[in-house]
Amino acid sequence: AGLALGVLCVSSRTPRPAIDDGQAD
């Protein structure tokens, strides 16, 4: 139905650069 029920999320204790299109996909 196009509703966001939650997320698949990832985290790290260290900062990173912004993600690229390939990582987002």
PDB file of all heavy atoms in Angstrom:
ATOM      1  N   ALA A   1       0.817  -1.216   0.000  1.00  0.00           N
ATOM      2  CA  ALA A   1       0.000   0.000   0.000  1.00  0.00           C
ATOM      3  C   ALA A   1       0.855   1.271   0.000  1.00  0.00           C
ATOM      4  O   ALA A   1       0.318   2.379   0.013  1.00  0.00           O
ATOM      5  CB  ALA A   1      -0.939  -0.002   1.204  1.00  0.00           C
ATOM      6  N   GLY A   2       2.184   1.113   0.018  1.00  0.00           N
ATOM      7  CA  GLY A   2       3.077   2.264   0.009  1.00  0.00           C
ATOM      8  C   GLY A   2       3.339   2.874   1.372  1.00  0.00           C
ATOM      9  O   GLY A   2       3.839   3.989   1.464  1.00  0.00           O
ATOM     10  N   LEU A   3       3.018   2.137   2.430  1.00  0.00           N
ATOM     11  CA  LEU A   3       3.228   2.633   3.789  1.00  0.00           C
ATOM     12  C   LEU A   3       4.574   2.166   4.340  1.00  0.00           C
ATOM     13  O   LEU A   3       4.937   1.004   4.180  1.00  0.00           O
ATOM     14  CB  LEU A   3       2.112   2.140   4.704  1.00  0.00           C
ATOM     15  CG  LEU A   3       0.701   2.583   4.328  1.00  0.00           C
ATOM     16  CD1 LEU A   3      -0.330   1.792   5.113  1.00  0.00           C
ATOM     17  CD2 LEU A   3       0.534   4.075   4.541  1.00  0.00           C
ATOM     18  N   ALA A   4       5.279   3.050   5.013  1.00  0.00           N
ATOM     19  CA  ALA A   4       6.555   2.704   5.645  1.00  0.00           C
ATOM     20  C   ALA A   4       6.261   2.117   7.020  1.00  0.00           C
ATOM     21  O   ALA A   4       5.841   2.827   7.934  1.00  0.00           O
ATOM     22  CB  ALA A   4       7.448   3.925   5.764  1.00  0.00           C
ATOM     23  N   LEU A   5       6.479   0.803   7.170  1.00  0.00           N
ATOM     24  CA  LEU A   5       6.188   0.125   8.428  1.00  0.00           C
ATOM     25  C   LEU A   5       7.359   0.194   9.401  1.00  0.00           C
ATOM     26  O   LEU A   5       7.190   0.022  10.599  1.00  0.00           O
ATOM     27  CB  LEU A   5       5.827  -1.334   8.174  1.00  0.00           C
ATOM     28  CG  LEU A   5       4.718  -1.596   7.154  1.00  0.00           C
ATOM     29  CD1 LEU A   5       4.366  -3.078   7.132  1.00  0.00           C
ATOM     30  CD2 LEU A   5       3.511  -0.741   7.422  1.00  0.00           C
ATOM     31  N   GLY A   6       8.517   0.410   8.881  1.00  0.00           N
ATOM     32  CA  GLY A   6       9.739   0.455   9.670  1.00  0.00           C
ATOM     33  C   GLY A   6      10.904   0.624   8.719  1.00  0.00           C
ATOM     34  O   GLY A   6      10.738   1.165   7.621  1.00  0.00           O
ATOM     35  N   VAL A   7      12.064   0.113   9.125  1.00  0.00           N
ATOM     36  CA  VAL A   7      13.273   0.288   8.319  1.00  0.00           C
ATOM     37  C   VAL A   7      14.199  -0.920   8.433  1.00  0.00           C
ATOM     38  O   VAL A   7      14.146  -1.676   9.404  1.00  0.00           O
ATOM     39  CB  VAL A   7      14.073   1.544   8.740  1.00  0.00           C
ATOM     40  CG1 VAL A   7      13.275   2.817   8.538  1.00  0.00           C
ATOM     41  CG2 VAL A   7      14.580   1.443  10.154  1.00  0.00           C
ATOM     42  N   LEU A   8      15.048  -1.041   7.441  1.00  0.00           N
ATOM     43  CA  LEU A   8      16.258  -1.839   7.543  1.00  0.00           C
ATOM     44  C   LEU A   8      17.345  -0.798   7.755  1.00  0.00           C
ATOM     45  O   LEU A   8      17.550   0.076   6.903  1.00  0.00           O
ATOM     46  CB  LEU A   8      16.505  -2.650   6.271  1.00  0.00           C
ATOM     47  CG  LEU A   8      17.834  -3.402   6.212  1.00  0.00           C
ATOM     48  CD1 LEU A   8      17.958  -4.420   7.349  1.00  0.00           C
ATOM     49  CD2 LEU A   8      17.999  -4.086   4.851  1.00  0.00           C
ATOM     50  N   CYS A   9      17.988  -0.831   8.920  1.00  0.00           N
ATOM     51  CA  CYS A   9      18.943   0.220   9.251  1.00  0.00           C
ATOM     52  C   CYS A   9      20.306  -0.356   9.606  1.00  0.00           C
ATOM     53  O   CYS A   9      20.432  -1.513   9.990  1.00  0.00           O
ATOM     54  CB  CYS A   9      18.418   1.096  10.374  1.00  0.00           C
ATOM     55  SG  CYS A   9      17.920   0.224  11.867  1.00  0.00           S
ATOM     56  N   VAL A  10      21.302   0.511   9.458  1.00  0.00           N
ATOM     57  CA  VAL A  10      22.696   0.147   9.672  1.00  0.00           C
ATOM     58  C   VAL A  10      23.351   1.278  10.456  1.00  0.00           C
ATOM     59  O   VAL A  10      23.080   2.445  10.189  1.00  0.00           O
ATOM     60  CB  VAL A  10      23.414  -0.035   8.315  1.00  0.00           C
ATOM     61  CG1 VAL A  10      24.882  -0.348   8.507  1.00  0.00           C
ATOM     62  CG2 VAL A  10      22.729  -1.098   7.457  1.00  0.00           C
ATOM     63  N   SER A  11      24.202   0.915  11.408  1.00  0.00           N
ATOM     64  CA  SER A  11      24.916   1.959  12.139  1.00  0.00           C
ATOM     65  C   SER A  11      26.340   1.521  12.456  1.00  0.00           C
ATOM     66  O   SER A  11      26.652   0.336  12.487  1.00  0.00           O
ATOM     67  CB  SER A  11      24.183   2.320  13.437  1.00  0.00           C
ATOM     68  OG  SER A  11      24.217   1.252  14.351  1.00  0.00           O
ATOM     69  N   SER A  12      27.159   2.535  12.691  1.00  0.00           N
ATOM     70  CA  SER A  12      28.543   2.322  13.116  1.00  0.00           C
ATOM     71  C   SER A  12      28.903   3.340  14.176  1.00  0.00           C
ATOM     72  O   SER A  12      28.313   4.415  14.245  1.00  0.00           O
ATOM     73  CB  SER A  12      29.507   2.455  11.940  1.00  0.00           C
ATOM     74  OG  SER A  12      29.497   1.292  11.159  1.00  0.00           O
ATOM     75  N   ARG A  13      29.907   2.997  14.943  1.00  0.00           N
ATOM     76  CA  ARG A  13      30.382   3.898  15.999  1.00  0.00           C
ATOM     77  C   ARG A  13      31.316   4.973  15.474  1.00  0.00           C
ATOM     78  O   ARG A  13      31.713   5.865  16.213  1.00  0.00           O
ATOM     79  CB  ARG A  13      31.107   3.080  17.071  1.00  0.00           C
ATOM     80  CG  ARG A  13      30.181   2.187  17.865  1.00  0.00           C
ATOM     81  CD  ARG A  13      30.956   1.367  18.901  1.00  0.00           C
ATOM     82  NE  ARG A  13      30.060   0.493  19.622  1.00  0.00           N
ATOM     83  CZ  ARG A  13      29.796  -0.761  19.279  1.00  0.00           C
ATOM     84  NH1 ARG A  13      30.383  -1.293  18.220  1.00  0.00           N
ATOM     85  NH2 ARG A  13      28.957  -1.489  19.987  1.00  0.00           N
ATOM     86  N   THR A  14      31.673   4.876  14.209  1.00  0.00           N
ATOM     87  CA  THR A  14      32.550   5.867  13.592  1.00  0.00           C
ATOM     88  C   THR A  14      31.804   6.553  12.452  1.00  0.00           C
ATOM     89  O   THR A  14      30.982   5.931  11.775  1.00  0.00           O
ATOM     90  CB  THR A  14      33.832   5.212  13.036  1.00  0.00           C
ATOM     91  OG1 THR A  14      33.474   4.175  12.122  1.00  0.00           O
ATOM     92  CG2 THR A  14      34.677   4.631  14.149  1.00  0.00           C
ATOM     93  N   PRO A  15      32.088   7.844  12.218  1.00  0.00           N
ATOM     94  CA  PRO A  15      31.424   8.547  11.119  1.00  0.00           C
ATOM     95  C   PRO A  15      31.894   7.998   9.772  1.00  0.00           C
ATOM     96  O   PRO A  15      32.959   7.380   9.679  1.00  0.00           O
ATOM     97  CB  PRO A  15      31.842   9.997  11.308  1.00  0.00           C
ATOM     98  CG  PRO A  15      33.089   9.943  12.114  1.00  0.00           C
ATOM     99  CD  PRO A  15      33.021   8.684  12.943  1.00  0.00           C
ATOM    100  N   ARG A  16      31.089   8.216   8.767  1.00  0.00           N
ATOM    101  CA  ARG A  16      31.375   7.758   7.398  1.00  0.00           C
ATOM    102  C   ARG A  16      30.998   8.864   6.423  1.00  0.00           C
ATOM    103  O   ARG A  16      30.217   9.743   6.754  1.00  0.00           O
ATOM    104  CB  ARG A  16      30.520   6.539   7.049  1.00  0.00           C
ATOM    105  CG  ARG A  16      30.584   5.375   7.993  1.00  0.00           C
ATOM    106  CD  ARG A  16      31.801   4.513   7.684  1.00  0.00           C
ATOM    107  NE  ARG A  16      31.876   3.378   8.577  1.00  0.00           N
ATOM    108  CZ  ARG A  16      31.344   2.192   8.332  1.00  0.00           C
ATOM    109  NH1 ARG A  16      30.652   1.981   7.244  1.00  0.00           N
ATOM    110  NH2 ARG A  16      31.482   1.212   9.193  1.00  0.00           N
ATOM    111  N   PRO A  17      31.484   8.732   5.191  1.00  0.00           N
ATOM    112  CA  PRO A  17      30.982   9.654   4.154  1.00  0.00           C
ATOM    113  C   PRO A  17      29.520   9.327   3.838  1.00  0.00           C
ATOM    114  O   PRO A  17      29.035   8.237   4.148  1.00  0.00           O
ATOM    115  CB  PRO A  17      31.869   9.349   2.941  1.00  0.00           C
ATOM    116  CG  PRO A  17      32.965   8.461   3.422  1.00  0.00           C
ATOM    117  CD  PRO A  17      32.538   7.863   4.726  1.00  0.00           C
ATOM    118  N   ALA A  18      28.845  10.264   3.214  1.00  0.00           N
ATOM    119  CA  ALA A  18      27.476  10.004   2.757  1.00  0.00           C
ATOM    120  C   ALA A  18      27.509   8.820   1.796  1.00  0.00           C
ATOM    121  O   ALA A  18      28.514   8.575   1.116  1.00  0.00           O
ATOM    122  CB  ALA A  18      26.914  11.239   2.068  1.00  0.00           C
ATOM    123  N   ILE A  19      26.414   8.082   1.744  1.00  0.00           N
ATOM    124  CA  ILE A  19      26.370   6.899   0.882  1.00  0.00           C
ATOM    125  C   ILE A  19      26.184   7.318  -0.575  1.00  0.00           C
ATOM    126  O   ILE A  19      25.702   8.410  -0.867  1.00  0.00           O
ATOM    127  CB  ILE A  19      25.261   5.923   1.315  1.00  0.00           C
ATOM    128  CG1 ILE A  19      23.881   6.555   1.188  1.00  0.00           C
ATOM    129  CG2 ILE A  19      25.517   5.443   2.745  1.00  0.00           C
ATOM    130  CD1 ILE A  19      22.741   5.575   1.405  1.00  0.00           C
ATOM    131  N   ASP A  20      26.560   6.409  -1.475  1.00  0.00           N
ATOM    132  CA  ASP A  20      26.374   6.672  -2.903  1.00  0.00           C
ATOM    133  C   ASP A  20      25.111   5.959  -3.393  1.00  0.00           C
ATOM    134  O   ASP A  20      24.471   5.209  -2.643  1.00  0.00           O
ATOM    135  CB  ASP A  20      27.618   6.267  -3.705  1.00  0.00           C
ATOM    136  CG  ASP A  20      27.969   4.789  -3.608  1.00  0.00           C
ATOM    137  OD1 ASP A  20      27.051   3.934  -3.501  1.00  0.00           O
ATOM    138  OD2 ASP A  20      29.166   4.466  -3.669  1.00  0.00           O
ATOM    139  N   ASP A  21      24.755   6.184  -4.646  1.00  0.00           N
ATOM    140  CA  ASP A  21      23.534   5.605  -5.209  1.00  0.00           C
ATOM    141  C   ASP A  21      23.556   4.082  -5.187  1.00  0.00           C
ATOM    142  O   ASP A  21      22.529   3.446  -4.937  1.00  0.00           O
ATOM    143  CB  ASP A  21      23.312   6.095  -6.641  1.00  0.00           C
ATOM    144  CG  ASP A  21      22.929   7.562  -6.703  1.00  0.00           C
ATOM    145  OD1 ASP A  21      22.516   8.131  -5.675  1.00  0.00           O
ATOM    146  OD2 ASP A  21      23.046   8.151  -7.805  1.00  0.00           O
ATOM    147  N   GLY A  22      24.712   3.486  -5.422  1.00  0.00           N
ATOM    148  CA  GLY A  22      24.814   2.022  -5.404  1.00  0.00           C
ATOM    149  C   GLY A  22      24.532   1.450  -4.020  1.00  0.00           C
ATOM    150  O   GLY A  22      23.828   0.438  -3.884  1.00  0.00           O
ATOM    151  N   GLN A  23      25.055   2.092  -2.995  1.00  0.00           N
ATOM    152  CA  GLN A  23      24.788   1.638  -1.623  1.00  0.00           C
ATOM    153  C   GLN A  23      23.312   1.830  -1.264  1.00  0.00           C
ATOM    154  O   GLN A  23      22.706   0.964  -0.643  1.00  0.00           O
ATOM    155  CB  GLN A  23      25.675   2.397  -0.638  1.00  0.00           C
ATOM    156  CG  GLN A  23      27.134   2.036  -0.739  1.00  0.00           C
ATOM    157  CD  GLN A  23      27.998   2.978   0.078  1.00  0.00           C
ATOM    158  OE1 GLN A  23      27.885   4.202  -0.029  1.00  0.00           O
ATOM    159  NE2 GLN A  23      28.856   2.406   0.908  1.00  0.00           N
ATOM    160  N   ALA A  24      22.734   2.958  -1.667  1.00  0.00           N
ATOM    161  CA  ALA A  24      21.316   3.202  -1.400  1.00  0.00           C
ATOM    162  C   ALA A  24      20.455   2.153  -2.091  1.00  0.00           C
ATOM    163  O   ALA A  24      19.532   1.595  -1.482  1.00  0.00           O
ATOM    164  CB  ALA A  24      20.925   4.610  -1.864  1.00  0.00           C
ATOM    165  N   ASP A  25      20.767   1.853  -3.345  1.00  0.00           N
ATOM    166  CA  ASP A  25      20.009   0.835  -4.081  1.00  0.00           C
ATOM    167  C   ASP A  25      20.159  -0.539  -3.440  1.00  0.00           C
ATOM    168  O   ASP A  25      19.201  -1.301  -3.355  1.00  0.00           O
ATOM    169  CB  ASP A  25      20.448   0.780  -5.544  1.00  0.00           C
ATOM    170  CG  ASP A  25      20.028   2.006  -6.337  1.00  0.00           C
ATOM    171  OD1 ASP A  25      19.142   2.766  -5.864  1.00  0.00           O
ATOM    172  OD2 ASP A  25      20.594   2.227  -7.431  1.00  0.00           O
TER     173      ASP A  25
END
